[in-house]
């Protein structure tokens, strides 16, 4: 997967790693489309290789995932049974 952006002044299409935030003129492409990308006539395509250090999950990524799983696995506290419940009665 890759993110495509354009530099109109340089007539260059830039294909790089997935963006971490949304840009109005950036387009995320699947692997197949990023490999097949071609630019308009007269334009060049600049393909930026991803940083190998970011390809594998980092320690922080794994810790965040473990915390999310732990949080999701916590039991939801039950409501006390002595709490009065609101009953809606509709007129007939």
Protein backbone atom coordinates (compact mmCIF):
# COMPACT_ATOMS: atom_id res chain seq x y z
CA UNK A 1 0.00 0.00 0.00
CA UNK A 2 1.17 3.50 -0.73
CA UNK A 3 0.03 7.11 -0.77
CA UNK A 4 0.04 9.08 -4.01
CA UNK A 5 0.55 12.85 -4.12
CA UNK A 6 1.35 15.25 -6.93
CA UNK A 7 3.82 18.11 -7.28
CA UNK A 8 2.28 20.07 -10.13
CA UNK A 9 5.10 22.63 -10.33
CA UNK A 10 7.63 19.84 -10.97
CA UNK A 11 5.26 17.64 -12.99
CA UNK A 12 5.99 14.79 -10.60
CA UNK A 13 3.79 12.10 -9.09
CA UNK A 14 5.15 11.01 -5.70
CA UNK A 15 4.39 7.52 -4.45
CA UNK A 16 5.45 6.86 -0.86
CA UNK A 17 4.55 5.04 2.34
CA UNK A 18 0.99 5.33 3.62
CA UNK A 19 0.28 8.74 5.08
CA UNK A 20 -0.39 8.90 8.80
CA UNK A 21 -3.02 11.63 8.44
CA UNK A 22 -5.51 12.67 5.78
CA UNK A 23 -4.53 15.20 3.15
CA UNK A 24 -7.06 16.65 0.71
CA UNK A 25 -4.96 15.83 -2.37
CA UNK A 26 -3.39 12.53 -1.27
CA UNK A 27 -4.72 9.19 -2.42
CA UNK A 28 -4.08 5.83 -0.75
CA UNK A 29 -3.51 3.03 -3.24
CA UNK A 30 -3.49 -0.74 -2.78
CA UNK A 31 -0.31 -2.66 -3.62
CA UNK A 32 -1.52 -3.68 -7.08
CA UNK A 33 -2.41 -0.14 -8.15
CA UNK A 34 0.72 1.40 -6.64
CA UNK A 35 2.88 -1.02 -8.68
CA UNK A 36 0.98 -0.26 -11.91
CA UNK A 37 0.94 3.52 -11.45
CA UNK A 38 1.86 5.62 -14.46
CA UNK A 39 1.95 9.41 -14.76
CA UNK A 40 0.74 11.71 -17.53
CA UNK A 41 3.04 12.23 -20.52
CA UNK A 42 5.91 14.53 -19.57
CA UNK A 43 5.60 13.76 -15.88
CA UNK A 44 7.92 11.63 -13.79
CA UNK A 45 7.08 9.19 -11.00
CA UNK A 46 9.12 9.40 -7.82
CA UNK A 47 8.82 6.19 -5.78
CA UNK A 48 9.92 6.59 -2.18
CA UNK A 49 10.91 3.36 -0.46
CA UNK A 50 9.45 2.86 3.01
CA UNK A 51 11.79 3.08 5.96
CA UNK A 52 12.71 -0.55 6.84
CA UNK A 53 12.55 0.31 10.54
CA UNK A 54 8.85 1.14 10.21
CA UNK A 55 7.86 -1.98 8.27
CA UNK A 56 7.90 -4.21 11.37
CA UNK A 57 5.72 -3.37 14.36
CA UNK A 58 7.62 -1.37 16.96
CA UNK A 59 7.68 -2.08 20.69
CA UNK A 60 5.24 0.83 21.17
CA UNK A 61 2.85 -0.69 18.61
CA UNK A 62 2.87 -4.03 20.43
CA UNK A 63 2.34 -2.41 23.83
CA UNK A 64 -0.58 -0.35 22.48
CA UNK A 65 -2.13 -3.49 20.98
CA UNK A 66 -1.72 -5.42 24.25
CA UNK A 67 -3.35 -2.59 26.21
CA UNK A 68 -6.26 -2.42 23.77
CA UNK A 69 -6.85 -6.17 24.07
CA UNK A 70 -6.61 -6.00 27.85
CA UNK A 71 -9.11 -3.13 27.97
CA UNK A 72 -11.54 -4.95 25.68
CA UNK A 73 -11.34 -8.05 27.84
CA UNK A 74 -12.32 -6.31 31.04
CA UNK A 75 -15.75 -7.21 32.36
CA UNK A 76 -18.43 -4.54 32.12
CA UNK A 77 -19.68 -3.89 35.66
CA UNK A 78 -23.20 -5.11 36.21
CA UNK A 79 -25.87 -2.62 37.19
CA UNK A 80 -26.94 -2.80 40.81
CA UNK A 81 -30.22 -4.69 41.15
CA UNK A 82 -31.68 -2.21 43.66
CA UNK A 83 -31.59 0.67 41.18
CA UNK A 84 -35.13 1.79 40.31
CA UNK A 85 -35.91 1.55 36.62
CA UNK A 86 -37.87 4.12 34.68
CA UNK A 87 -41.02 2.70 33.19
CA UNK A 88 -42.70 4.52 30.33
CA UNK A 89 -46.48 4.21 30.33
CA UNK A 90 -48.26 5.36 27.23
CA UNK A 91 -51.88 6.52 27.51
CA UNK A 92 -54.40 4.34 25.72
